Structures are given as C-alpha cells and as structure tokens.
Amino acid sequence: MNSDPQYKDLLVQYDTLGPKLVKCIEADSSKQSLAEKMKSMYIMPVYESLQKNNYKKAVDKYKEMVLFLEKYYATELAVIA
C-alpha cells in the first residue's frame, strides 16, 4: 500500500488516528465486548476479503470500521487531540 498513492491518506490516518484509538480502547471498561463486535463486524470480513484477493472490499470495510470507532469514541478523541 505504501507504493500506491491512492492509499497515502489512509496510511497517514492509520499512523495518526490509530494510536489514539488504541488508547481509547485500552481505557474502555467494555473493551472485551467491543473486541468481539469488531471481530465479527469488521475484522473477519476484512480477512475474508483479503483471502479472496478483494482488496477494495477489504479497504472499504476497514474504513467503515475506523468511522465506527471515531464515532464511538468521539468524546474521548476530542480530549486526546
């Protein structure tokens, strides 16, 4: 993905937003149930898409997951930023 310009913004977001989301998840008292939800709703579908070489679908699902987490932790992210 590093060599493909269409993913530049996504990778920058991953580097900047990712660590903030990790802090939010680590501090979340319901992180176990969130992890189970994330696995079934996002992580497994991304994995399955990658197994089928459907990279666009995998990236789209990843973006959907990030948007979900941004909304879910909006208040916490505002404090971290």
PDB file of N, CA and C in Angstrom:
ATOM      1  N   MET A   1       0.824  -1.195   0.000  1.00  0.00           N
ATOM      2  CA  MET A   1       0.000   0.000   0.000  1.00  0.00           C
ATOM      3  C   MET A   1       0.867   1.256   0.000  1.00  0.00           C
ATOM      4  N   ASN A   2       2.063   1.151   0.557  1.00  0.00           N
ATOM      5  CA  ASN A   2       2.939   2.322   0.602  1.00  0.00           C
ATOM      6  C   ASN A   2       3.270   2.864  -0.783  1.00  0.00           C
ATOM      7  N   SER A   3       3.354   1.986  -1.760  1.00  0.00           N
ATOM      8  CA  SER A   3       3.745   2.422  -3.099  1.00  0.00           C
ATOM      9  C   SER A   3       2.565   2.908  -3.929  1.00  0.00           C
ATOM     10  N   ASP A   4       1.347   2.788  -3.426  1.00  0.00           N
ATOM     11  CA  ASP A   4       0.154   3.203  -4.167  1.00  0.00           C
ATOM     12  C   ASP A   4      -0.348   4.544  -3.629  1.00  0.00           C
ATOM     13  N   PRO A   5      -0.289   5.597  -4.447  1.00  0.00           N
ATOM     14  CA  PRO A   5      -0.689   6.937  -3.991  1.00  0.00           C
ATOM     15  C   PRO A   5      -2.137   7.023  -3.497  1.00  0.00           C
ATOM     16  N   GLN A   6      -3.003   6.147  -3.980  1.00  0.00           N
ATOM     17  CA  GLN A   6      -4.405   6.233  -3.559  1.00  0.00           C
ATOM     18  C   GLN A   6      -4.588   5.887  -2.074  1.00  0.00           C
ATOM     19  N   TYR A   7      -3.592   5.247  -1.481  1.00  0.00           N
ATOM     20  CA  TYR A   7      -3.689   4.865  -0.070  1.00  0.00           C
ATOM     21  C   TYR A   7      -2.900   5.775   0.867  1.00  0.00           C
ATOM     22  N   LYS A   8      -2.275   6.801   0.329  1.00  0.00           N
ATOM     23  CA  LYS A   8      -1.437   7.691   1.146  1.00  0.00           C
ATOM     24  C   LYS A   8      -2.218   8.274   2.328  1.00  0.00           C
ATOM     25  N   ASP A   9      -3.383   8.863   2.052  1.00  0.00           N
ATOM     26  CA  ASP A   9      -4.179   9.470   3.123  1.00  0.00           C
ATOM     27  C   ASP A   9      -4.616   8.439   4.164  1.00  0.00           C
ATOM     28  N   LEU A  10      -4.958   7.262   3.700  1.00  0.00           N
ATOM     29  CA  LEU A  10      -5.380   6.195   4.612  1.00  0.00           C
ATOM     30  C   LEU A  10      -4.238   5.788   5.544  1.00  0.00           C
ATOM     31  N   LEU A  11      -3.039   5.696   5.002  1.00  0.00           N
ATOM     32  CA  LEU A  11      -1.878   5.320   5.817  1.00  0.00           C
ATOM     33  C   LEU A  11      -1.495   6.419   6.804  1.00  0.00           C
ATOM     34  N   VAL A  12      -1.631   7.671   6.386  1.00  0.00           N
ATOM     35  CA  VAL A  12      -1.375   8.791   7.301  1.00  0.00           C
ATOM     36  C   VAL A  12      -2.389   8.757   8.437  1.00  0.00           C
ATOM     37  N   GLN A  13      -3.646   8.509   8.090  1.00  0.00           N
ATOM     38  CA  GLN A  13      -4.686   8.410   9.114  1.00  0.00           C
ATOM     39  C   GLN A  13      -4.384   7.261  10.078  1.00  0.00           C
ATOM     40  N   TYR A  14      -3.945   6.147   9.534  1.00  0.00           N
ATOM     41  CA  TYR A  14      -3.602   4.986  10.362  1.00  0.00           C
ATOM     42  C   TYR A  14      -2.509   5.354  11.370  1.00  0.00           C
ATOM     43  N   ASP A  15      -1.513   6.091  10.911  1.00  0.00           N
ATOM     44  CA  ASP A  15      -0.398   6.469  11.792  1.00  0.00           C
ATOM     45  C   ASP A  15      -0.795   7.497  12.839  1.00  0.00           C
ATOM     46  N   THR A  16      -1.732   8.381  12.514  1.00  0.00           N
ATOM     47  CA  THR A  16      -2.100   9.441  13.452  1.00  0.00           C
ATOM     48  C   THR A  16      -3.290   9.071  14.334  1.00  0.00           C
ATOM     49  N   LEU A  17      -4.309   8.501  13.738  1.00  0.00           N
ATOM     50  CA  LEU A  17      -5.516   8.172  14.490  1.00  0.00           C
ATOM     51  C   LEU A  17      -5.388   6.842  15.227  1.00  0.00           C
ATOM     52  N   GLY A  18      -4.688   5.897  14.639  1.00  0.00           N
ATOM     53  CA  GLY A  18      -4.559   4.562  15.227  1.00  0.00           C
ATOM     54  C   GLY A  18      -4.128   4.563  16.684  1.00  0.00           C
ATOM     55  N   PRO A  19      -3.033   5.231  17.023  1.00  0.00           N
ATOM     56  CA  PRO A  19      -2.598   5.237  18.430  1.00  0.00           C
ATOM     57  C   PRO A  19      -3.626   5.862  19.378  1.00  0.00           C
ATOM     58  N   LYS A  20      -4.362   6.852  18.912  1.00  0.00           N
ATOM     59  CA  LYS A  20      -5.389   7.472  19.752  1.00  0.00           C
ATOM     60  C   LYS A  20      -6.537   6.499  20.002  1.00  0.00           C
ATOM     61  N   LEU A  21      -6.921   5.776  18.957  1.00  0.00           N
ATOM     62  CA  LEU A  21      -7.982   4.789  19.132  1.00  0.00           C
ATOM     63  C   LEU A  21      -7.542   3.668  20.074  1.00  0.00           C
ATOM     64  N   VAL A  22      -6.290   3.276  19.992  1.00  0.00           N
ATOM     65  CA  VAL A  22      -5.769   2.244  20.888  1.00  0.00           C
ATOM     66  C   VAL A  22      -5.886   2.698  22.342  1.00  0.00           C
ATOM     67  N   LYS A  23      -5.553   3.946  22.613  1.00  0.00           N
ATOM     68  CA  LYS A  23      -5.676   4.474  23.982  1.00  0.00           C
ATOM     69  C   LYS A  23      -7.125   4.426  24.461  1.00  0.00           C
ATOM     70  N   CYS A  24      -8.042   4.793  23.572  1.00  0.00           N
ATOM     71  CA  CYS A  24      -9.465   4.768  23.924  1.00  0.00           C
ATOM     72  C   CYS A  24      -9.919   3.347  24.234  1.00  0.00           C
ATOM     73  N   ILE A  25      -9.527   2.407  23.391  1.00  0.00           N
ATOM     74  CA  ILE A  25      -9.931   1.016  23.587  1.00  0.00           C
ATOM     75  C   ILE A  25      -9.337   0.461  24.873  1.00  0.00           C
ATOM     76  N   GLU A  26      -8.075   0.747  25.120  1.00  0.00           N
ATOM     77  CA  GLU A  26      -7.424   0.242  26.335  1.00  0.00           C
ATOM     78  C   GLU A  26      -8.115   0.742  27.599  1.00  0.00           C
ATOM     79  N   ALA A  27      -8.634   1.965  27.558  1.00  0.00           N
ATOM     80  CA  ALA A  27      -9.277   2.547  28.736  1.00  0.00           C
ATOM     81  C   ALA A  27     -10.748   2.175  28.861  1.00  0.00           C
ATOM     82  N   ASP A  28     -11.290   1.514  27.872  1.00  0.00           N
ATOM     83  CA  ASP A  28     -12.717   1.191  27.832  1.00  0.00           C
ATOM     84  C   ASP A  28     -13.021  -0.019  28.711  1.00  0.00           C
ATOM     85  N   SER A  29     -13.920   0.156  29.649  1.00  0.00           N
ATOM     86  CA  SER A  29     -14.273  -0.949  30.542  1.00  0.00           C
ATOM     87  C   SER A  29     -15.045  -2.060  29.819  1.00  0.00           C
ATOM     88  N   SER A  30     -15.603  -1.745  28.671  1.00  0.00           N
ATOM     89  CA  SER A  30     -16.327  -2.760  27.895  1.00  0.00           C
ATOM     90  C   SER A  30     -15.547  -3.187  26.657  1.00  0.00           C
ATOM     91  N   LYS A  31     -14.218  -3.114  26.759  1.00  0.00           N
ATOM     92  CA  LYS A  31     -13.394  -3.419  25.589  1.00  0.00           C
ATOM     93  C   LYS A  31     -13.529  -4.863  25.117  1.00  0.00           C
ATOM     94  N   GLN A  32     -13.830  -5.802  26.005  1.00  0.00           N
ATOM     95  CA  GLN A  32     -13.980  -7.188  25.582  1.00  0.00           C
ATOM     96  C   GLN A  32     -15.170  -7.352  24.645  1.00  0.00           C
ATOM     97  N   SER A  33     -16.302  -6.788  25.028  1.00  0.00           N
ATOM     98  CA  SER A  33     -17.478  -6.902  24.164  1.00  0.00           C
ATOM     99  C   SER A  33     -17.278  -6.114  22.876  1.00  0.00           C
ATOM    100  N   LEU A  34     -16.586  -4.990  22.956  1.00  0.00           N
ATOM    101  CA  LEU A  34     -16.274  -4.221  21.746  1.00  0.00           C
ATOM    102  C   LEU A  34     -15.376  -5.042  20.827  1.00  0.00           C
ATOM    103  N   ALA A  35     -14.394  -5.714  21.392  1.00  0.00           N
ATOM    104  CA  ALA A  35     -13.479  -6.526  20.589  1.00  0.00           C
ATOM    105  C   ALA A  35     -14.233  -7.634  19.863  1.00  0.00           C
ATOM    106  N   GLU A  36     -15.167  -8.261  20.531  1.00  0.00           N
ATOM    107  CA  GLU A  36     -15.956  -9.319  19.897  1.00  0.00           C
ATOM    108  C   GLU A  36     -16.796  -8.756  18.748  1.00  0.00           C
ATOM    109  N   LYS A  37     -17.372  -7.594  18.988  1.00  0.00           N
ATOM    110  CA  LYS A  37     -18.174  -6.929  17.954  1.00  0.00           C
ATOM    111  C   LYS A  37     -17.290  -6.551  16.764  1.00  0.00           C
ATOM    112  N   MET A  38     -16.138  -5.986  17.038  1.00  0.00           N
ATOM    113  CA  MET A  38     -15.228  -5.566  15.973  1.00  0.00           C
ATOM    114  C   MET A  38     -14.768  -6.774  15.156  1.00  0.00           C
ATOM    115  N   LYS A  39     -14.504  -7.865  15.838  1.00  0.00           N
ATOM    116  CA  LYS A  39     -14.054  -9.077  15.135  1.00  0.00           C
ATOM    117  C   LYS A  39     -15.108  -9.575  14.160  1.00  0.00           C
ATOM    118  N   SER A  40     -16.336  -9.673  14.631  1.00  0.00           N
ATOM    119  CA  SER A  40     -17.383 -10.215  13.752  1.00  0.00           C
ATOM    120  C   SER A  40     -17.829  -9.232  12.678  1.00  0.00           C
ATOM    121  N   MET A  41     -17.921  -7.962  13.025  1.00  0.00           N
ATOM    122  CA  MET A  41     -18.434  -6.975  12.070  1.00  0.00           C
ATOM    123  C   MET A  41     -17.395  -6.487  11.062  1.00  0.00           C
ATOM    124  N   TYR A  42     -16.133  -6.445  11.475  1.00  0.00           N
ATOM    125  CA  TYR A  42     -15.127  -5.817  10.624  1.00  0.00           C
ATOM    126  C   TYR A  42     -13.898  -6.688  10.343  1.00  0.00           C
ATOM    127  N   ILE A  43     -13.289  -7.208  11.378  1.00  0.00           N
ATOM    128  CA  ILE A  43     -12.001  -7.879  11.198  1.00  0.00           C
ATOM    129  C   ILE A  43     -12.139  -9.155  10.361  1.00  0.00           C
ATOM    130  N   MET A  44     -13.115  -9.987  10.681  1.00  0.00           N
ATOM    131  CA  MET A  44     -13.304 -11.214   9.888  1.00  0.00           C
ATOM    132  C   MET A  44     -13.721 -10.905   8.451  1.00  0.00           C
ATOM    133  N   PRO A  45     -14.642  -9.965   8.222  1.00  0.00           N
ATOM    134  CA  PRO A  45     -14.955  -9.625   6.827  1.00  0.00           C
ATOM    135  C   PRO A  45     -13.749  -9.086   6.053  1.00  0.00           C
ATOM    136  N   VAL A  46     -12.902  -8.291   6.708  1.00  0.00           N
ATOM    137  CA  VAL A  46     -11.687  -7.804   6.041  1.00  0.00           C
ATOM    138  C   VAL A  46     -10.787  -8.986   5.699  1.00  0.00           C
ATOM    139  N   TYR A  47     -10.599  -9.869   6.654  1.00  0.00           N
ATOM    140  CA  TYR A  47      -9.761 -11.049   6.439  1.00  0.00           C
ATOM    141  C   TYR A  47     -10.294 -11.894   5.281  1.00  0.00           C
ATOM    142  N   GLU A  48     -11.591 -12.129   5.272  1.00  0.00           N
ATOM    143  CA  GLU A  48     -12.195 -12.934   4.215  1.00  0.00           C
ATOM    144  C   GLU A  48     -12.036 -12.275   2.848  1.00  0.00           C
ATOM    145  N   SER A  49     -12.176 -10.969   2.796  1.00  0.00           N
ATOM    146  CA  SER A  49     -11.985 -10.248   1.534  1.00  0.00           C
ATOM    147  C   SER A  49     -10.538 -10.360   1.065  1.00  0.00           C
ATOM    148  N   LEU A  50      -9.608 -10.255   1.991  1.00  0.00           N
ATOM    149  CA  LEU A  50      -8.196 -10.391   1.625  1.00  0.00           C
ATOM    150  C   LEU A  50      -7.895 -11.803   1.118  1.00  0.00           C
ATOM    151  N   GLN A  51      -8.507 -12.806   1.735  1.00  0.00           N
ATOM    152  CA  GLN A  51      -8.313 -14.190   1.297  1.00  0.00           C
ATOM    153  C   GLN A  51      -8.784 -14.385  -0.143  1.00  0.00           C
ATOM    154  N   LYS A  52      -9.774 -13.596  -0.548  1.00  0.00           N
ATOM    155  CA  LYS A  52     -10.330 -13.687  -1.902  1.00  0.00           C
ATOM    156  C   LYS A  52      -9.677 -12.685  -2.853  1.00  0.00           C
ATOM    157  N   ASN A  53      -8.606 -12.032  -2.371  1.00  0.00           N
ATOM    158  CA  ASN A  53      -7.907 -11.001  -3.149  1.00  0.00           C
ATOM    159  C   ASN A  53      -8.812  -9.830  -3.533  1.00  0.00           C
ATOM    160  N   ASN A  54      -9.814  -9.588  -2.735  1.00  0.00           N
ATOM    161  CA  ASN A  54     -10.714  -8.464  -2.971  1.00  0.00           C
ATOM    162  C   ASN A  54     -10.265  -7.311  -2.079  1.00  0.00           C
ATOM    163  N   TYR A  55      -9.205  -6.637  -2.523  1.00  0.00           N
ATOM    164  CA  TYR A  55      -8.569  -5.609  -1.706  1.00  0.00           C
ATOM    165  C   TYR A  55      -9.443  -4.381  -1.536  1.00  0.00           C
ATOM    166  N   LYS A  56     -10.180  -4.018  -2.563  1.00  0.00           N
ATOM    167  CA  LYS A  56     -11.053  -2.850  -2.454  1.00  0.00           C
ATOM    168  C   LYS A  56     -12.108  -3.070  -1.370  1.00  0.00           C
ATOM    169  N   LYS A  57     -12.713  -4.250  -1.374  1.00  0.00           N
ATOM    170  CA  LYS A  57     -13.726  -4.556  -0.365  1.00  0.00           C
ATOM    171  C   LYS A  57     -13.107  -4.554   1.035  1.00  0.00           C
ATOM    172  N   ALA A  58     -11.906  -5.080   1.157  1.00  0.00           N
ATOM    173  CA  ALA A  58     -11.221  -5.097   2.449  1.00  0.00           C
ATOM    174  C   ALA A  58     -10.935  -3.679   2.934  1.00  0.00           C
ATOM    175  N   VAL A  59     -10.448  -2.841   2.057  1.00  0.00           N
ATOM    176  CA  VAL A  59     -10.139  -1.457   2.434  1.00  0.00           C
ATOM    177  C   VAL A  59     -11.422  -0.705   2.782  1.00  0.00           C
ATOM    178  N   ASP A  60     -12.480  -0.919   2.013  1.00  0.00           N
ATOM    179  CA  ASP A  60     -13.754  -0.252   2.307  1.00  0.00           C
ATOM    180  C   ASP A  60     -14.294  -0.663   3.679  1.00  0.00           C
ATOM    181  N   LYS A  61     -14.184  -1.937   4.014  1.00  0.00           N
ATOM    182  CA  LYS A  61     -14.653  -2.405   5.322  1.00  0.00           C
ATOM    183  C   LYS A  61     -13.781  -1.841   6.442  1.00  0.00           C
ATOM    184  N   TYR A  62     -12.468  -1.754   6.189  1.00  0.00           N
ATOM    185  CA  TYR A  62     -11.556  -1.153   7.165  1.00  0.00           C
ATOM    186  C   TYR A  62     -11.950   0.303   7.421  1.00  0.00           C
ATOM    187  N   LYS A  63     -12.223   1.048   6.355  1.00  0.00           N
ATOM    188  CA  LYS A  63     -12.630   2.451   6.506  1.00  0.00           C
ATOM    189  C   LYS A  63     -13.922   2.559   7.309  1.00  0.00           C
ATOM    190  N   GLU A  64     -14.841   1.649   7.048  1.00  0.00           N
ATOM    191  CA  GLU A  64     -16.099   1.615   7.796  1.00  0.00           C
ATOM    192  C   GLU A  64     -15.836   1.390   9.286  1.00  0.00           C
ATOM    193  N   MET A  65     -14.897   0.513   9.592  1.00  0.00           N
ATOM    194  CA  MET A  65     -14.545   0.245  10.977  1.00  0.00           C
ATOM    195  C   MET A  65     -13.959   1.489  11.651  1.00  0.00           C
ATOM    196  N   VAL A  66     -13.081   2.169  10.964  1.00  0.00           N
ATOM    197  CA  VAL A  66     -12.466   3.370  11.526  1.00  0.00           C
ATOM    198  C   VAL A  66     -13.523   4.434  11.789  1.00  0.00           C
ATOM    199  N   LEU A  67     -14.448   4.613  10.859  1.00  0.00           N
ATOM    200  CA  LEU A  67     -15.523   5.584  11.072  1.00  0.00           C
ATOM    201  C   LEU A  67     -16.380   5.210  12.285  1.00  0.00           C
ATOM    202  N   PHE A  68     -16.670   3.921  12.416  1.00  0.00           N
ATOM    203  CA  PHE A  68     -17.417   3.458  13.581  1.00  0.00           C
ATOM    204  C   PHE A  68     -16.678   3.819  14.869  1.00  0.00           C
ATOM    205  N   LEU A  69     -15.378   3.513  14.912  1.00  0.00           N
ATOM    206  CA  LEU A  69     -14.597   3.785  16.118  1.00  0.00           C
ATOM    207  C   LEU A  69     -14.474   5.283  16.388  1.00  0.00           C
ATOM    208  N   GLU A  70     -14.347   6.073  15.344  1.00  0.00           N
ATOM    209  CA  GLU A  70     -14.283   7.535  15.534  1.00  0.00           C
ATOM    210  C   GLU A  70     -15.569   8.054  16.160  1.00  0.00           C
ATOM    211  N   LYS A  71     -16.705   7.550  15.711  1.00  0.00           N
ATOM    212  CA  LYS A  71     -17.981   7.982  16.280  1.00  0.00           C
ATOM    213  C   LYS A  71     -18.154   7.431  17.700  1.00  0.00           C
ATOM    214  N   TYR A  72     -17.794   6.183  17.891  1.00  0.00           N
ATOM    215  CA  TYR A  72     -17.940   5.524  19.187  1.00  0.00           C
ATOM    216  C   TYR A  72     -17.115   6.235  20.262  1.00  0.00           C
ATOM    217  N   TYR A  73     -15.930   6.677  19.893  1.00  0.00           N
ATOM    218  CA  TYR A  73     -15.028   7.331  20.848  1.00  0.00           C
ATOM    219  C   TYR A  73     -14.885   8.837  20.592  1.00  0.00           C
ATOM    220  N   ALA A  74     -15.868   9.449  20.001  1.00  0.00           N
ATOM    221  CA  ALA A  74     -15.777  10.869  19.643  1.00  0.00           C
ATOM    222  C   ALA A  74     -15.415  11.753  20.841  1.00  0.00           C
ATOM    223  N   THR A  75     -16.060  11.533  21.965  1.00  0.00           N
ATOM    224  CA  THR A  75     -15.798  12.347  23.146  1.00  0.00           C
ATOM    225  C   THR A  75     -14.366  12.158  23.649  1.00  0.00           C
ATOM    226  N   GLU A  76     -13.937  10.922  23.731  1.00  0.00           N
ATOM    227  CA  GLU A  76     -12.589  10.618  24.203  1.00  0.00           C
ATOM    228  C   GLU A  76     -11.528  11.158  23.242  1.00  0.00           C
ATOM    229  N   LEU A  77     -11.783  11.031  21.944  1.00  0.00           N
ATOM    230  CA  LEU A  77     -10.825  11.517  20.947  1.00  0.00           C
ATOM    231  C   LEU A  77     -10.675  13.038  21.006  1.00  0.00           C
ATOM    232  N   ALA A  78     -11.775  13.727  21.337  1.00  0.00           N
ATOM    233  CA  ALA A  78     -11.719  15.185  21.439  1.00  0.00           C
ATOM    234  C   ALA A  78     -10.785  15.609  22.568  1.00  0.00           C
ATOM    235  N   VAL A  79     -10.728  14.824  23.624  1.00  0.00           N
ATOM    236  CA  VAL A  79      -9.874  15.137  24.769  1.00  0.00           C
ATOM    237  C   VAL A  79      -8.412  14.824  24.432  1.00  0.00           C
ATOM    238  N   ILE A  80      -8.187  13.720  23.706  1.00  0.00           N
ATOM    239  CA  ILE A  80      -6.827  13.311  23.358  1.00  0.00           C
ATOM    240  C   ILE A  80      -6.206  14.268  22.348  1.00  0.00           C
ATOM    241  N   ALA A  81      -7.005  14.728  21.402  1.00  0.00           N
ATOM    242  CA  ALA A  81      -6.495  15.589  20.329  1.00  0.00           C
ATOM    243  C   ALA A  81      -6.031  16.896  20.823  1.00  0.00           C
TER     244      ALA A  81
END
